[in-house]
PDB file of N, CA and C in Angstrom:
ATOM      1  N   MET A   1      65.964 132.845  32.026  1.00  0.00           N
ATOM      2  CA  MET A   1      66.718 132.463  33.205  1.00  0.00           C
ATOM      3  C   MET A   1      65.865 132.746  34.433  1.00  0.00           C
ATOM      4  N   SER A   2      65.744 131.768  35.314  1.00  0.00           N
ATOM      5  CA  SER A   2      64.944 131.987  36.512  1.00  0.00           C
ATOM      6  C   SER A   2      65.678 132.904  37.476  1.00  0.00           C
ATOM      7  N   LYS A   3      64.925 133.489  38.383  1.00  0.00           N
ATOM      8  CA  LYS A   3      65.505 134.474  39.288  1.00  0.00           C
ATOM      9  C   LYS A   3      66.501 133.866  40.265  1.00  0.00           C
ATOM     10  N   THR A   4      66.356 132.597  40.569  1.00  0.00           N
ATOM     11  CA  THR A   4      67.243 131.973  41.548  1.00  0.00           C
ATOM     12  C   THR A   4      68.326 131.116  40.899  1.00  0.00           C
ATOM     13  N   ALA A   5      68.398 131.093  39.591  1.00  0.00           N
ATOM     14  CA  ALA A   5      69.368 130.252  38.901  1.00  0.00           C
ATOM     15  C   ALA A   5      70.790 130.764  39.134  1.00  0.00           C
ATOM     16  N   LYS A   6      71.676 129.828  39.292  1.00  0.00           N
ATOM     17  CA  LYS A   6      73.090 130.158  39.437  1.00  0.00           C
ATOM     18  C   LYS A   6      73.637 130.540  38.068  1.00  0.00           C
ATOM     19  N   ILE A   7      74.317 131.640  38.007  1.00  0.00           N
ATOM     20  CA  ILE A   7      74.890 132.115  36.754  1.00  0.00           C
ATOM     21  C   ILE A   7      76.252 131.461  36.574  1.00  0.00           C
ATOM     22  N   HIS A   8      76.520 131.033  35.358  1.00  0.00           N
ATOM     23  CA  HIS A   8      77.830 130.474  35.032  1.00  0.00           C
ATOM     24  C   HIS A   8      78.885 131.561  35.245  1.00  0.00           C
ATOM     25  N   ASN A   9      79.984 131.252  35.895  1.00  0.00           N
ATOM     26  CA  ASN A   9      81.072 132.202  36.180  1.00  0.00           C
ATOM     27  C   ASN A   9      80.636 133.350  37.090  1.00  0.00           C
ATOM     28  N   GLU A  10      79.727 133.104  38.031  1.00  0.00           N
ATOM     29  CA  GLU A  10      79.207 134.186  38.868  1.00  0.00           C
ATOM     30  C   GLU A  10      80.313 134.914  39.630  1.00  0.00           C
ATOM     31  N   ASP A  11      81.267 134.183  40.183  1.00  0.00           N
ATOM     32  CA  ASP A  11      82.342 134.831  40.942  1.00  0.00           C
ATOM     33  C   ASP A  11      83.161 135.774  40.062  1.00  0.00           C
ATOM     34  N   LYS A  12      83.461 135.327  38.839  1.00  0.00           N
ATOM     35  CA  LYS A  12      84.228 136.176  37.923  1.00  0.00           C
ATOM     36  C   LYS A  12      83.412 137.379  37.480  1.00  0.00           C
ATOM     37  N   LEU A  13      82.113 137.184  37.305  1.00  0.00           N
ATOM     38  CA  LEU A  13      81.241 138.305  36.936  1.00  0.00           C
ATOM     39  C   LEU A  13      81.165 139.340  38.052  1.00  0.00           C
ATOM     40  N   VAL A  14      81.134 138.875  39.290  1.00  0.00           N
ATOM     41  CA  VAL A  14      81.105 139.800  40.434  1.00  0.00           C
ATOM     42  C   VAL A  14      82.399 140.606  40.473  1.00  0.00           C
ATOM     43  N   LYS A  15      83.530 139.932  40.290  1.00  0.00           N
ATOM     44  CA  LYS A  15      84.824 140.632  40.268  1.00  0.00           C
ATOM     45  C   LYS A  15      84.847 141.698  39.182  1.00  0.00           C
ATOM     46  N   LYS A  16      84.383 141.330  38.000  1.00  0.00           N
ATOM     47  CA  LYS A  16      84.357 142.259  36.866  1.00  0.00           C
ATOM     48  C   LYS A  16      83.391 143.411  37.148  1.00  0.00           C
ATOM     49  N   ALA A  17      82.249 143.123  37.747  1.00  0.00           N
ATOM     50  CA  ALA A  17      81.265 144.160  38.071  1.00  0.00           C
ATOM     51  C   ALA A  17      81.844 145.159  39.070  1.00  0.00           C
ATOM     52  N   ILE A  18      82.571 144.669  40.056  1.00  0.00           N
ATOM     53  CA  ILE A  18      83.194 145.558  41.037  1.00  0.00           C
ATOM     54  C   ILE A  18      84.241 146.424  40.355  1.00  0.00           C
ATOM     55  N   GLU A  19      85.046 145.808  39.500  1.00  0.00           N
ATOM     56  CA  GLU A  19      86.077 146.553  38.768  1.00  0.00           C
ATOM     57  C   GLU A  19      85.450 147.656  37.905  1.00  0.00           C
ATOM     58  N   VAL A  20      84.435 147.303  37.140  1.00  0.00           N
ATOM     59  CA  VAL A  20      83.771 148.275  36.263  1.00  0.00           C
ATOM     60  C   VAL A  20      83.053 149.348  37.089  1.00  0.00           C
ATOM     61  N   GLY A  21      82.384 148.926  38.157  1.00  0.00           N
ATOM     62  CA  GLY A  21      81.687 149.877  39.021  1.00  0.00           C
ATOM     63  C   GLY A  21      82.626 150.884  39.657  1.00  0.00           C
ATOM     64  N   LEU A  22      83.796 150.410  40.098  1.00  0.00           N
ATOM     65  CA  LEU A  22      84.787 151.321  40.685  1.00  0.00           C
ATOM     66  C   LEU A  22      85.286 152.326  39.655  1.00  0.00           C
ATOM     67  N   LYS A  23      85.508 151.858  38.427  1.00  0.00           N
ATOM     68  CA  LYS A  23      85.952 152.762  37.356  1.00  0.00           C
ATOM     69  C   LYS A  23      84.872 153.789  37.032  1.00  0.00           C
ATOM     70  N   MET A  24      83.617 153.338  36.978  1.00  0.00           N
ATOM     71  CA  MET A  24      82.515 154.265  36.694  1.00  0.00           C
ATOM     72  C   MET A  24      82.420 155.333  37.785  1.00  0.00           C
ATOM     73  N   ALA A  25      82.540 154.909  39.042  1.00  0.00           N
ATOM     74  CA  ALA A  25      82.459 155.851  40.155  1.00  0.00           C
ATOM     75  C   ALA A  25      83.612 156.850  40.097  1.00  0.00           C
ATOM     76  N   LYS A  26      84.798 156.343  39.817  1.00  0.00           N
ATOM     77  CA  LYS A  26      85.972 157.219  39.737  1.00  0.00           C
ATOM     78  C   LYS A  26      85.806 158.247  38.619  1.00  0.00           C
ATOM     79  N   MET A  27      85.217 157.833  37.480  1.00  0.00           N
ATOM     80  CA  MET A  27      84.997 158.753  36.371  1.00  0.00           C
ATOM     81  C   MET A  27      84.014 159.865  36.761  1.00  0.00           C
ATOM     82  N   GLN A  28      83.145 159.585  37.725  1.00  0.00           N
ATOM     83  CA  GLN A  28      82.200 160.586  38.193  1.00  0.00           C
ATOM     84  C   GLN A  28      82.701 161.321  39.433  1.00  0.00           C
ATOM     85  N   GLY A  29      83.961 161.067  39.799  1.00  0.00           N
ATOM     86  CA  GLY A  29      84.569 161.775  40.916  1.00  0.00           C
ATOM     87  C   GLY A  29      84.209 161.229  42.279  1.00  0.00           C
ATOM     88  N   ILE A  30      83.777 159.990  42.346  1.00  0.00           N
ATOM     89  CA  ILE A  30      83.394 159.364  43.612  1.00  0.00           C
ATOM     90  C   ILE A  30      84.427 158.312  43.961  1.00  0.00           C
ATOM     91  N   ASP A  31      84.987 158.415  45.155  1.00  0.00           N
ATOM     92  CA  ASP A  31      85.942 157.412  45.631  1.00  0.00           C
ATOM     93  C   ASP A  31      85.212 156.418  46.523  1.00  0.00           C
ATOM     94  N   LEU A  32      85.068 155.201  46.045  1.00  0.00           N
ATOM     95  CA  LEU A  32      84.423 154.147  46.824  1.00  0.00           C
ATOM     96  C   LEU A  32      85.470 153.472  47.697  1.00  0.00           C
ATOM     97  N   PRO A  33      85.043 152.807  48.770  1.00  0.00           N
ATOM     98  CA  PRO A  33      86.015 152.168  49.672  1.00  0.00           C
ATOM     99  C   PRO A  33      86.813 151.085  48.955  1.00  0.00           C
ATOM    100  N   SER A  34      88.101 151.085  49.198  1.00  0.00           N
ATOM    101  CA  SER A  34      88.956 150.054  48.601  1.00  0.00           C
ATOM    102  C   SER A  34      89.382 149.064  49.680  1.00  0.00           C
ATOM    103  N   SER A  35      88.432 148.715  50.527  1.00  0.00           N
ATOM    104  CA  SER A  35      88.717 147.797  51.629  1.00  0.00           C
ATOM    105  C   SER A  35      88.378 146.364  51.232  1.00  0.00           C
ATOM    106  N   THR A  36      87.826 145.617  52.145  1.00  0.00           N
ATOM    107  CA  THR A  36      87.553 144.198  51.907  1.00  0.00           C
ATOM    108  C   THR A  36      86.463 143.994  50.863  1.00  0.00           C
ATOM    109  N   GLY A  37      86.362 142.779  50.376  1.00  0.00           N
ATOM    110  CA  GLY A  37      85.396 142.412  49.348  1.00  0.00           C
ATOM    111  C   GLY A  37      83.954 142.782  49.661  1.00  0.00           C
ATOM    112  N   PRO A  38      83.424 142.391  50.833  1.00  0.00           N
ATOM    113  CA  PRO A  38      82.018 142.694  51.108  1.00  0.00           C
ATOM    114  C   PRO A  38      81.711 144.190  51.124  1.00  0.00           C
ATOM    115  N   LEU A  39      82.575 144.993  51.711  1.00  0.00           N
ATOM    116  CA  LEU A  39      82.340 146.438  51.733  1.00  0.00           C
ATOM    117  C   LEU A  39      82.482 147.042  50.346  1.00  0.00           C
ATOM    118  N   LYS A  40      83.431 146.547  49.594  1.00  0.00           N
ATOM    119  CA  LYS A  40      83.643 147.037  48.231  1.00  0.00           C
ATOM    120  C   LYS A  40      82.430 146.689  47.366  1.00  0.00           C
ATOM    121  N   ALA A  41      81.943 145.449  47.489  1.00  0.00           N
ATOM    122  CA  ALA A  41      80.768 145.027  46.717  1.00  0.00           C
ATOM    123  C   ALA A  41      79.549 145.855  47.096  1.00  0.00           C
ATOM    124  N   GLN A  42      79.380 146.106  48.384  1.00  0.00           N
ATOM    125  CA  GLN A  42      78.229 146.905  48.828  1.00  0.00           C
ATOM    126  C   GLN A  42      78.342 148.340  48.331  1.00  0.00           C
ATOM    127  N   GLY A  43      79.545 148.903  48.344  1.00  0.00           N
ATOM    128  CA  GLY A  43      79.745 150.264  47.853  1.00  0.00           C
ATOM    129  C   GLY A  43      79.435 150.377  46.372  1.00  0.00           C
ATOM    130  N   VAL A  44      79.895 149.413  45.586  1.00  0.00           N
ATOM    131  CA  VAL A  44      79.621 149.412  44.150  1.00  0.00           C
ATOM    132  C   VAL A  44      78.127 149.228  43.911  1.00  0.00           C
ATOM    133  N   TYR A  45      77.510 148.315  44.660  1.00  0.00           N
ATOM    134  CA  TYR A  45      76.061 148.096  44.535  1.00  0.00           C
ATOM    135  C   TYR A  45      75.295 149.385  44.801  1.00  0.00           C
ATOM    136  N   LEU A  46      75.613 150.063  45.900  1.00  0.00           N
ATOM    137  CA  LEU A  46      74.908 151.307  46.243  1.00  0.00           C
ATOM    138  C   LEU A  46      75.155 152.392  45.193  1.00  0.00           C
ATOM    139  N   PHE A  47      76.370 152.448  44.660  1.00  0.00           N
ATOM    140  CA  PHE A  47      76.651 153.411  43.596  1.00  0.00           C
ATOM    141  C   PHE A  47      75.802 153.108  42.365  1.00  0.00           C
ATOM    142  N   LEU A  48      75.755 151.844  41.954  1.00  0.00           N
ATOM    143  CA  LEU A  48      74.999 151.468  40.758  1.00  0.00           C
ATOM    144  C   LEU A  48      73.496 151.688  40.940  1.00  0.00           C
ATOM    145  N   VAL A  49      73.007 151.481  42.150  1.00  0.00           N
ATOM    146  CA  VAL A  49      71.602 151.784  42.435  1.00  0.00           C
ATOM    147  C   VAL A  49      71.384 153.294  42.323  1.00  0.00           C
ATOM    148  N   GLY A  50      72.323 154.065  42.852  1.00  0.00           N
ATOM    149  CA  GLY A  50      72.213 155.527  42.832  1.00  0.00           C
ATOM    150  C   GLY A  50      72.223 156.117  41.435  1.00  0.00           C
ATOM    151  N   VAL A  51      72.931 155.481  40.505  1.00  0.00           N
ATOM    152  CA  VAL A  51      72.986 155.990  39.132  1.00  0.00           C
ATOM    153  C   VAL A  51      72.015 155.234  38.218  1.00  0.00           C
ATOM    154  N   ASN A  52      71.092 154.518  38.830  1.00  0.00           N
ATOM    155  CA  ASN A  52      70.014 153.813  38.118  1.00  0.00           C
ATOM    156  C   ASN A  52      70.512 152.787  37.104  1.00  0.00           C
ATOM    157  N   GLN A  53      71.604 152.116  37.428  1.00  0.00           N
ATOM    158  CA  GLN A  53      72.105 151.045  36.566  1.00  0.00           C
ATOM    159  C   GLN A  53      71.488 149.698  36.937  1.00  0.00           C
ATOM    160  N   ILE A  54      71.142 149.529  38.217  1.00  0.00           N
ATOM    161  CA  ILE A  54      70.501 148.296  38.664  1.00  0.00           C
ATOM    162  C   ILE A  54      69.327 148.632  39.572  1.00  0.00           C
ATOM    163  N   THR A  55      68.404 147.696  39.655  1.00  0.00           N
ATOM    164  CA  THR A  55      67.235 147.847  40.515  1.00  0.00           C
ATOM    165  C   THR A  55      67.631 147.482  41.935  1.00  0.00           C
ATOM    166  N   PRO A  56      67.228 148.296  42.920  1.00  0.00           N
ATOM    167  CA  PRO A  56      67.596 147.976  44.306  1.00  0.00           C
ATOM    168  C   PRO A  56      66.908 146.700  44.799  1.00  0.00           C
ATOM    169  N   LEU A  57      67.599 146.021  45.676  1.00  0.00           N
ATOM    170  CA  LEU A  57      67.041 144.838  46.320  1.00  0.00           C
ATOM    171  C   LEU A  57      66.065 145.260  47.411  1.00  0.00           C
ATOM    172  N   PRO A  58      65.084 144.423  47.733  1.00  0.00           N
ATOM    173  CA  PRO A  58      64.226 144.715  48.885  1.00  0.00           C
ATOM    174  C   PRO A  58      65.071 144.718  50.164  1.00  0.00           C
ATOM    175  N   ASP A  59      64.654 145.470  51.159  1.00  0.00           N
ATOM    176  CA  ASP A  59      65.435 145.599  52.396  1.00  0.00           C
ATOM    177  C   ASP A  59      65.705 144.256  53.068  1.00  0.00           C
ATOM    178  N   ASN A  60      64.761 143.322  52.992  1.00  0.00           N
ATOM    179  CA  ASN A  60      64.963 142.033  53.660  1.00  0.00           C
ATOM    180  C   ASN A  60      65.916 141.109  52.887  1.00  0.00           C
ATOM    181  N   LYS A  61      66.340 141.505  51.701  1.00  0.00           N
ATOM    182  CA  LYS A  61      67.273 140.698  50.898  1.00  0.00           C
ATOM    183  C   LYS A  61      68.618 141.408  50.719  1.00  0.00           C
ATOM    184  N   LEU A  62      68.860 142.438  51.486  1.00  0.00           N
ATOM    185  CA  LEU A  62      70.062 143.255  51.344  1.00  0.00           C
ATOM    186  C   LEU A  62      71.204 142.646  52.158  1.00  0.00           C
ATOM    187  N   ASP A  63      71.771 141.550  51.627  1.00  0.00           N
ATOM    188  CA  ASP A  63      72.910 140.916  52.289  1.00  0.00           C
ATOM    189  C   ASP A  63      73.963 140.574  51.238  1.00  0.00           C
ATOM    190  N   GLY A  64      75.098 140.107  51.682  1.00  0.00           N
ATOM    191  CA  GLY A  64      76.235 139.855  50.804  1.00  0.00           C
ATOM    192  C   GLY A  64      75.949 138.979  49.600  1.00  0.00           C
ATOM    193  N   PRO A  65      75.399 137.772  49.799  1.00  0.00           N
ATOM    194  CA  PRO A  65      75.155 136.902  48.643  1.00  0.00           C
ATOM    195  C   PRO A  65      74.170 137.503  47.632  1.00  0.00           C
ATOM    196  N   ASN A  66      73.127 138.161  48.107  1.00  0.00           N
ATOM    197  CA  ASN A  66      72.160 138.758  47.187  1.00  0.00           C
ATOM    198  C   ASN A  66      72.753 139.954  46.443  1.00  0.00           C
ATOM    199  N   ILE A  67      73.587 140.733  47.124  1.00  0.00           N
ATOM    200  CA  ILE A  67      74.247 141.867  46.470  1.00  0.00           C
ATOM    201  C   ILE A  67      75.180 141.343  45.377  1.00  0.00           C
ATOM    202  N   LYS A  68      75.952 140.319  45.699  1.00  0.00           N
ATOM    203  CA  LYS A  68      76.871 139.757  44.707  1.00  0.00           C
ATOM    204  C   LYS A  68      76.112 139.170  43.526  1.00  0.00           C
ATOM    205  N   HIS A  69      75.002 138.510  43.796  1.00  0.00           N
ATOM    206  CA  HIS A  69      74.201 137.943  42.708  1.00  0.00           C
ATOM    207  C   HIS A  69      73.648 139.062  41.819  1.00  0.00           C
ATOM    208  N   ARG A  70      73.196 140.146  42.430  1.00  0.00           N
ATOM    209  CA  ARG A  70      72.654 141.266  41.647  1.00  0.00           C
ATOM    210  C   ARG A  70      73.756 141.899  40.793  1.00  0.00           C
ATOM    211  N   LEU A  71      74.962 142.035  41.359  1.00  0.00           N
ATOM    212  CA  LEU A  71      76.086 142.566  40.581  1.00  0.00           C
ATOM    213  C   LEU A  71      76.423 141.643  39.411  1.00  0.00           C
ATOM    214  N   ALA A  72      76.397 140.331  39.653  1.00  0.00           N
ATOM    215  CA  ALA A  72      76.690 139.371  38.581  1.00  0.00           C
ATOM    216  C   ALA A  72      75.632 139.458  37.479  1.00  0.00           C
ATOM    217  N   LEU A  73      74.370 139.577  37.860  1.00  0.00           N
ATOM    218  CA  LEU A  73      73.302 139.719  36.867  1.00  0.00           C
ATOM    219  C   LEU A  73      73.491 140.976  36.025  1.00  0.00           C
ATOM    220  N   TRP A  74      73.850 142.077  36.689  1.00  0.00           N
ATOM    221  CA  TRP A  74      74.070 143.335  35.972  1.00  0.00           C
ATOM    222  C   TRP A  74      75.225 143.185  34.980  1.00  0.00           C
ATOM    223  N   MET A  75      76.334 142.615  35.453  1.00  0.00           N
ATOM    224  CA  MET A  75      77.504 142.471  34.580  1.00  0.00           C
ATOM    225  C   MET A  75      77.173 141.550  33.415  1.00  0.00           C
ATOM    226  N   HIS A  76      76.457 140.481  33.681  1.00  0.00           N
ATOM    227  CA  HIS A  76      76.067 139.540  32.626  1.00  0.00           C
ATOM    228  C   HIS A  76      75.212 140.239  31.571  1.00  0.00           C
ATOM    229  N   SER A  77      74.358 141.157  32.000  1.00  0.00           N
ATOM    230  CA  SER A  77      73.462 141.828  31.050  1.00  0.00           C
ATOM    231  C   SER A  77      74.167 142.892  30.218  1.00  0.00           C
ATOM    232  N   VAL A  78      75.252 143.470  30.722  1.00  0.00           N
ATOM    233  CA  VAL A  78      75.920 144.543  29.978  1.00  0.00           C
ATOM    234  C   VAL A  78      77.098 144.063  29.133  1.00  0.00           C
ATOM    235  N   LEU A  79      77.528 142.827  29.340  1.00  0.00           N
ATOM    236  CA  LEU A  79      78.632 142.298  28.537  1.00  0.00           C
ATOM    237  C   LEU A  79      78.146 141.990  27.125  1.00  0.00           C
ATOM    238  N   PRO A  80      79.016 142.144  26.132  1.00  0.00           N
ATOM    239  CA  PRO A  80      78.636 141.758  24.766  1.00  0.00           C
ATOM    240  C   PRO A  80      78.447 140.235  24.690  1.00  0.00           C
ATOM    241  N   ASP A  81      77.667 139.809  23.722  1.00  0.00           N
ATOM    242  CA  ASP A  81      77.344 138.387  23.583  1.00  0.00           C
ATOM    243  C   ASP A  81      78.572 137.500  23.369  1.00  0.00           C
ATOM    244  N   ASN A  82      79.608 138.024  22.767  1.00  0.00           N
ATOM    245  CA  ASN A  82      80.790 137.201  22.482  1.00  0.00           C
ATOM    246  C   ASN A  82      81.821 137.219  23.608  1.00  0.00           C
ATOM    247  N   ASP A  83      81.512 137.818  24.736  1.00  0.00           N
ATOM    248  CA  ASP A  83      82.445 137.872  25.860  1.00  0.00           C
ATOM    249  C   ASP A  83      82.588 136.473  26.488  1.00  0.00           C
ATOM    250  N   PRO A  84      83.798 136.069  26.837  1.00  0.00           N
ATOM    251  CA  PRO A  84      84.005 134.727  27.412  1.00  0.00           C
ATOM    252  C   PRO A  84      83.336 134.527  28.783  1.00  0.00           C
ATOM    253  N   LEU A  85      83.026 135.588  29.500  1.00  0.00           N
ATOM    254  CA  LEU A  85      82.376 135.434  30.796  1.00  0.00           C
ATOM    255  C   LEU A  85      80.892 135.115  30.686  1.00  0.00           C
ATOM    256  N   LYS A  86      80.316 135.313  29.500  1.00  0.00           N
ATOM    257  CA  LYS A  86      78.872 135.057  29.333  1.00  0.00           C
ATOM    258  C   LYS A  86      78.585 133.594  29.171  1.00  0.00           C
TER     259      LYS A  86
END
């Protein structure tokens, strides 16, 4: 898969990644913001970078669409092969 390719079901993968990321953070005793989508996505992204689950984006690419794409890539990679979102 190329780095710029659109992932099938990307929006659903981002939603699932945020849900899983929030649960992971809560299990570690961290309360992430439960506000709007962009802040929630950024909070989950920063948490996942902090626990070495995903590679951080370069500073010049640290914006909403790139964060969501990185979350979708992470979720796509951790889902089992038979998952309907893959």
